C-alpha cells in the first residue's frame, strides 16, 4: 500500500530527510516541541532521539538543535515554558458534542490563567486562528477565566495572539 503522504519524504531530486521536505521538517520539529516539559529542558535528548530514529541526519540535528534552543530562549523571555506552570502537551479535550480537540501546548500558570500555544511551521492561515479560538473557548467553558491563545511560527519566531 502506498501512502498518500509519501511525497512528503522526498525532494524532487530524490533527497530525503527534513531538508528535502518542508512538511516533513515541520512534523519532526513539531514532534520534538510537543515533548518538551515545563522549563524547556530535555531538548538535546529529544533531538538525539530523532537522530537515532533516522528522522534527522547529523547536520540536520545540529541545525534543529540550534534553532530550537534559540526559539526556546525567546519563548522563555515571553514567560512561556516556565517551571512554575503545569503543562499539557497534546492532551485531548472533549466538547459537549463528543468531538475532541488537541492543543499543541497548554500552560496553566500558578494564578490560574491559561496559555494555549499552537506550533506552526508554515504561513499564517485564517483556519489556524479559528482552531486556537476553539481551544480557548473550550478552556473557558471548563471554568478558566483568563485564557490566552497564540500561534507560534517557530521558524520566524513570530507570535500571533488570538483574541
Protein backbone atom coordinates (compact mmCIF):
# COMPACT_ATOMS: atom_id res chain seq x y z
CA UNK A 1 0.00 0.00 0.00
CA UNK A 2 1.36 3.42 -0.96
CA UNK A 3 1.00 6.27 1.50
CA UNK A 4 -0.66 9.42 0.20
CA UNK A 5 1.98 11.33 2.17
CA UNK A 6 4.95 9.53 0.58
CA UNK A 7 5.80 12.62 -1.47
CA UNK A 8 6.37 14.50 1.78
CA UNK A 9 9.50 12.47 2.44
CA UNK A 10 11.38 13.07 -0.81
CA UNK A 11 12.59 16.10 -2.72
CA UNK A 12 12.28 16.28 -6.49
CA UNK A 13 15.92 15.24 -6.79
CA UNK A 14 15.35 12.13 -4.62
CA UNK A 15 16.89 13.59 -1.47
CA UNK A 16 15.34 12.51 1.82
CA UNK A 17 15.07 13.96 5.31
CA UNK A 18 13.77 17.15 6.81
CA UNK A 19 15.79 19.34 4.45
CA UNK A 20 14.11 17.63 1.48
CA UNK A 21 10.56 18.36 2.60
CA UNK A 22 9.30 21.45 4.44
CA UNK A 23 6.25 19.48 5.57
CA UNK A 24 8.33 16.63 6.96
CA UNK A 25 10.61 19.12 8.67
CA UNK A 26 7.61 20.73 10.34
CA UNK A 27 6.33 17.35 11.51
CA UNK A 28 9.69 16.42 13.08
CA UNK A 29 10.17 19.81 14.78
CA UNK A 30 6.56 19.79 15.96
CA UNK A 31 7.04 16.35 17.48
CA UNK A 32 10.14 17.49 19.34
CA UNK A 33 8.42 20.60 20.70
CA UNK A 34 5.36 18.59 21.75
CA UNK A 35 7.52 16.56 24.14
CA UNK A 36 9.20 19.44 25.92
CA UNK A 37 8.10 19.91 29.51
CA UNK A 38 7.77 22.94 31.72
CA UNK A 39 11.16 24.57 31.54
CA UNK A 40 12.31 23.63 28.04
CA UNK A 41 14.79 21.10 29.37
CA UNK A 42 15.36 17.86 27.51
CA UNK A 43 15.64 19.38 24.06
CA UNK A 44 19.06 17.84 23.40
CA UNK A 45 17.81 14.35 24.26
CA UNK A 46 14.77 14.78 22.00
CA UNK A 47 16.91 15.89 19.07
CA UNK A 48 19.26 12.96 19.67
CA UNK A 49 16.28 10.59 19.73
CA UNK A 50 15.05 11.99 16.40
CA UNK A 51 18.54 11.45 15.01
CA UNK A 52 18.66 7.88 16.37
CA UNK A 53 15.26 7.17 14.79
CA UNK A 54 16.57 8.28 11.41
CA UNK A 55 14.40 11.40 11.31
CA UNK A 56 17.41 13.73 11.32
CA UNK A 57 20.92 13.45 9.91
CA UNK A 58 23.88 14.70 11.96
CA UNK A 59 23.83 18.02 10.10
CA UNK A 60 20.04 18.39 10.41
CA UNK A 61 20.20 17.54 14.12
CA UNK A 62 22.71 20.34 14.70
CA UNK A 63 20.60 22.84 12.75
CA UNK A 64 17.38 21.79 14.53
CA UNK A 65 19.07 21.91 17.92
CA UNK A 66 20.45 25.40 17.30
CA UNK A 67 17.11 26.68 16.01
CA UNK A 68 15.03 25.23 18.82
CA UNK A 69 17.44 26.31 21.56
CA UNK A 70 17.21 29.83 20.18
CA UNK A 71 13.41 29.70 19.98
CA UNK A 72 13.04 28.30 23.49
CA UNK A 73 15.23 31.10 24.80
CA UNK A 74 12.96 33.60 23.07
CA UNK A 75 9.84 31.85 24.36
CA UNK A 76 11.20 31.93 27.88
CA UNK A 77 11.58 35.71 27.62
CA UNK A 78 7.84 35.83 26.80
CA UNK A 79 7.11 33.96 30.03
CA UNK A 80 6.48 30.66 28.26
CA UNK A 81 7.98 27.31 29.33
CA UNK A 82 8.02 28.45 32.94
CA UNK A 83 8.96 25.84 35.56
CA UNK A 84 6.07 27.12 37.69
CA UNK A 85 3.41 26.21 35.10
CA UNK A 86 1.54 22.95 34.68
CA UNK A 87 1.95 21.77 31.10
CA UNK A 88 -0.44 19.78 28.94
CA UNK A 89 1.24 18.77 25.66
CA UNK A 90 -1.02 17.27 23.01
CA UNK A 91 -3.70 16.41 25.60
CA UNK A 92 -7.08 15.69 24.06
CA UNK A 93 -10.06 17.68 25.33
CA UNK A 94 -13.66 16.86 24.57
CA UNK A 95 -16.50 19.15 23.67
CA UNK A 96 -20.08 18.56 24.79
CA UNK A 97 -20.95 17.27 21.30
CA UNK A 98 -18.38 14.47 21.64
CA UNK A 99 -15.78 15.95 19.30
CA UNK A 100 -12.24 16.22 20.54
CA UNK A 101 -9.51 18.80 20.13
CA UNK A 102 -5.79 18.50 20.86
CA UNK A 103 -3.92 21.77 21.50
CA UNK A 104 -0.17 21.55 20.97
CA UNK A 105 0.73 23.06 24.34
CA UNK A 106 -1.36 24.35 27.21
CA UNK A 107 0.31 26.05 30.16
CA UNK A 108 -1.70 26.56 33.33
CA UNK A 109 0.01 29.23 35.37
CA UNK A 110 0.02 29.44 39.19
CA UNK A 111 -2.52 32.31 39.06
CA UNK A 112 -4.98 30.02 37.20
CA UNK A 113 -4.56 31.71 33.83
CA UNK A 114 -4.18 29.53 30.75
CA UNK A 115 -1.90 29.99 27.78
CA UNK A 116 -2.56 27.90 24.68
CA UNK A 117 0.32 27.73 22.19
CA UNK A 118 -0.08 26.19 18.75
CA UNK A 119 3.19 25.50 16.89
CA UNK A 120 3.23 26.38 13.20
CA UNK A 121 5.92 25.89 10.58
CA UNK A 122 4.34 27.43 7.52
CA UNK A 123 2.42 30.52 6.55
CA UNK A 124 -0.34 32.04 8.66
CA UNK A 125 -3.82 30.89 7.72
CA UNK A 126 -7.22 32.03 8.96
CA UNK A 127 -8.14 28.47 9.93
CA UNK A 128 -5.30 28.43 12.48
CA UNK A 129 -6.85 31.40 14.29
CA UNK A 130 -10.23 29.64 14.30
CA UNK A 131 -8.60 26.45 15.60
CA UNK A 132 -6.94 28.17 18.57
CA UNK A 133 -10.11 30.17 19.22
CA UNK A 134 -11.99 26.88 19.64
CA UNK A 135 -9.38 25.63 22.10
CA UNK A 136 -9.72 28.86 24.07
CA UNK A 137 -13.49 28.58 24.17
CA UNK A 138 -13.28 25.01 25.49
CA UNK A 139 -10.97 26.09 28.30
CA UNK A 140 -13.27 28.97 29.19
CA UNK A 141 -16.19 26.56 29.34
CA UNK A 142 -14.11 24.35 31.63
CA UNK A 143 -14.07 27.26 34.10
CA UNK A 144 -10.80 29.00 33.37
CA UNK A 145 -11.38 32.75 33.48
CA UNK A 146 -8.25 34.13 31.88
CA UNK A 147 -7.38 32.27 28.67
CA UNK A 148 -4.89 33.46 26.09
CA UNK A 149 -4.09 31.78 22.78
CA UNK A 150 -1.10 32.16 20.48
CA UNK A 151 0.10 30.87 17.16
CA UNK A 152 3.85 30.47 17.32
CA UNK A 153 5.53 30.48 13.91
CA UNK A 154 8.66 28.74 15.08
CA UNK A 155 10.87 29.32 12.03
CA UNK A 156 10.46 33.10 12.16
CA UNK A 157 9.76 33.27 15.93
CA UNK A 158 6.71 35.39 15.21
CA UNK A 159 3.69 35.18 17.50
CA UNK A 160 0.11 35.88 16.54
CA UNK A 161 -2.07 36.40 19.57
CA UNK A 162 -5.64 35.15 19.29
CA UNK A 163 -8.35 37.23 20.91
